[in-house]
Amino acid sequence: MTAIPDGRGVAALLLICDDCGRGYGGDSGREEWVVLWHKAVADGWTGRDRPVGPHRCHSCAV
């Protein structure tokens, strides 16, 4: 799924799992894609390192 604006602004992104739809958002609300993706990977997310995906959360990645 795509990393999309989460309603707090264009720079605030929400990463969405392609399998279950779980969302993952940044803490600061104004994170760039690269920062958000690195945090998600550290939390067990997998997928392509581009905002267009595909992405899988820690539960679906196993």
C-alpha atoms as a PDB file:
ATOM      1  CA  MET A   1       0.000   0.000   0.000  1.00  0.00           C
ATOM      2  CA  THR A   2       1.045   3.577  -0.262  1.00  0.00           C
ATOM      3  CA  ALA A   3       2.439   5.870   2.386  1.00  0.00           C
ATOM      4  CA  ILE A   4      -0.211   8.586   2.435  1.00  0.00           C
ATOM      5  CA  PRO A   5      -0.702  11.969   4.108  1.00  0.00           C
ATOM      6  CA  ASP A   6      -2.359  11.246   7.459  1.00  0.00           C
ATOM      7  CA  GLY A   7      -4.465  14.381   7.793  1.00  0.00           C
ATOM      8  CA  ARG A   8      -1.954  16.388   9.832  1.00  0.00           C
ATOM      9  CA  GLY A   9      -0.270  17.756   6.735  1.00  0.00           C
ATOM     10  CA  VAL A  10       1.433  16.759   3.516  1.00  0.00           C
ATOM     11  CA  ALA A  11       4.701  15.893   5.306  1.00  0.00           C
ATOM     12  CA  ALA A  12       2.974  13.700   7.920  1.00  0.00           C
ATOM     13  CA  LEU A  13       2.875  10.186   6.501  1.00  0.00           C
ATOM     14  CA  LEU A  14       1.008   7.018   7.419  1.00  0.00           C
ATOM     15  CA  LEU A  15       2.466   3.694   6.275  1.00  0.00           C
ATOM     16  CA  ILE A  16      -0.221   1.061   5.635  1.00  0.00           C
ATOM     17  CA  CYS A  17       0.281  -2.724   5.586  1.00  0.00           C
ATOM     18  CA  ASP A  18      -0.765  -4.320   2.283  1.00  0.00           C
ATOM     19  CA  ASP A  19      -1.974  -7.472   4.033  1.00  0.00           C
ATOM     20  CA  CYS A  20      -3.939  -6.378   7.121  1.00  0.00           C
ATOM     21  CA  GLY A  21      -4.297  -2.607   6.732  1.00  0.00           C
ATOM     22  CA  ARG A  22      -2.454  -1.776   9.976  1.00  0.00           C
ATOM     23  CA  GLY A  23      -1.133   1.773   9.994  1.00  0.00           C
ATOM     24  CA  TYR A  24       2.248   3.023  11.150  1.00  0.00           C
ATOM     25  CA  GLY A  25       2.807   6.729  11.650  1.00  0.00           C
ATOM     26  CA  GLY A  26       5.762   8.830  12.635  1.00  0.00           C
ATOM     27  CA  ASP A  27       6.109  10.301  16.109  1.00  0.00           C
ATOM     28  CA  SER A  28       6.800  13.882  15.146  1.00  0.00           C
ATOM     29  CA  GLY A  29       4.050  14.243  12.555  1.00  0.00           C
ATOM     30  CA  ARG A  30       6.415  15.889  10.053  1.00  0.00           C
ATOM     31  CA  GLU A  31       8.766  13.069   9.180  1.00  0.00           C
ATOM     32  CA  GLU A  32      10.167  12.520   5.759  1.00  0.00           C
ATOM     33  CA  TRP A  33       9.563   9.182   4.086  1.00  0.00           C
ATOM     34  CA  VAL A  34      13.139   7.968   4.655  1.00  0.00           C
ATOM     35  CA  VAL A  35      12.945   8.575   8.424  1.00  0.00           C
ATOM     36  CA  LEU A  36       9.529   6.911   8.714  1.00  0.00           C
ATOM     37  CA  TRP A  37      10.662   3.886   6.673  1.00  0.00           C
ATOM     38  CA  HIS A  38      13.810   3.354   8.756  1.00  0.00           C
ATOM     39  CA  LYS A  39      11.744   3.443  11.967  1.00  0.00           C
ATOM     40  CA  ALA A  40       9.221   0.994  10.495  1.00  0.00           C
ATOM     41  CA  VAL A  41      11.980  -1.425   9.428  1.00  0.00           C
ATOM     42  CA  ALA A  42      13.453  -1.240  12.938  1.00  0.00           C
ATOM     43  CA  ASP A  43       9.973  -2.213  14.223  1.00  0.00           C
ATOM     44  CA  GLY A  44       9.823  -5.252  11.907  1.00  0.00           C
ATOM     45  CA  TRP A  45       8.152  -3.901   8.779  1.00  0.00           C
ATOM     46  CA  THR A  46       9.292  -5.252   5.412  1.00  0.00           C
ATOM     47  CA  GLY A  47       8.839  -4.348   1.779  1.00  0.00           C
ATOM     48  CA  ARG A  48      10.080  -2.038  -0.889  1.00  0.00           C
ATOM     49  CA  ASP A  49      11.823   1.086   0.362  1.00  0.00           C
ATOM     50  CA  ARG A  50       9.579   3.351  -1.715  1.00  0.00           C
ATOM     51  CA  PRO A  51       6.338   5.034  -0.558  1.00  0.00           C
ATOM     52  CA  VAL A  52       4.315   3.148  -3.201  1.00  0.00           C
ATOM     53  CA  GLY A  53       5.048  -0.207  -1.537  1.00  0.00           C
ATOM     54  CA  PRO A  54       4.374  -2.984  -1.159  1.00  0.00           C
ATOM     55  CA  HIS A  55       4.771  -2.926   2.649  1.00  0.00           C
ATOM     56  CA  ARG A  56       4.029  -5.484   5.370  1.00  0.00           C
ATOM     57  CA  CYS A  57       3.762  -4.909   9.111  1.00  0.00           C
ATOM     58  CA  HIS A  58       5.716  -6.924  11.680  1.00  0.00           C
ATOM     59  CA  SER A  59       2.834  -9.397  12.104  1.00  0.00           C
ATOM     60  CA  CYS A  60       2.283 -10.036   8.397  1.00  0.00           C
ATOM     61  CA  ALA A  61       5.991 -10.114   7.526  1.00  0.00           C
ATOM     62  CA  VAL A  62       6.571 -13.433   9.304  1.00  0.00           C
END
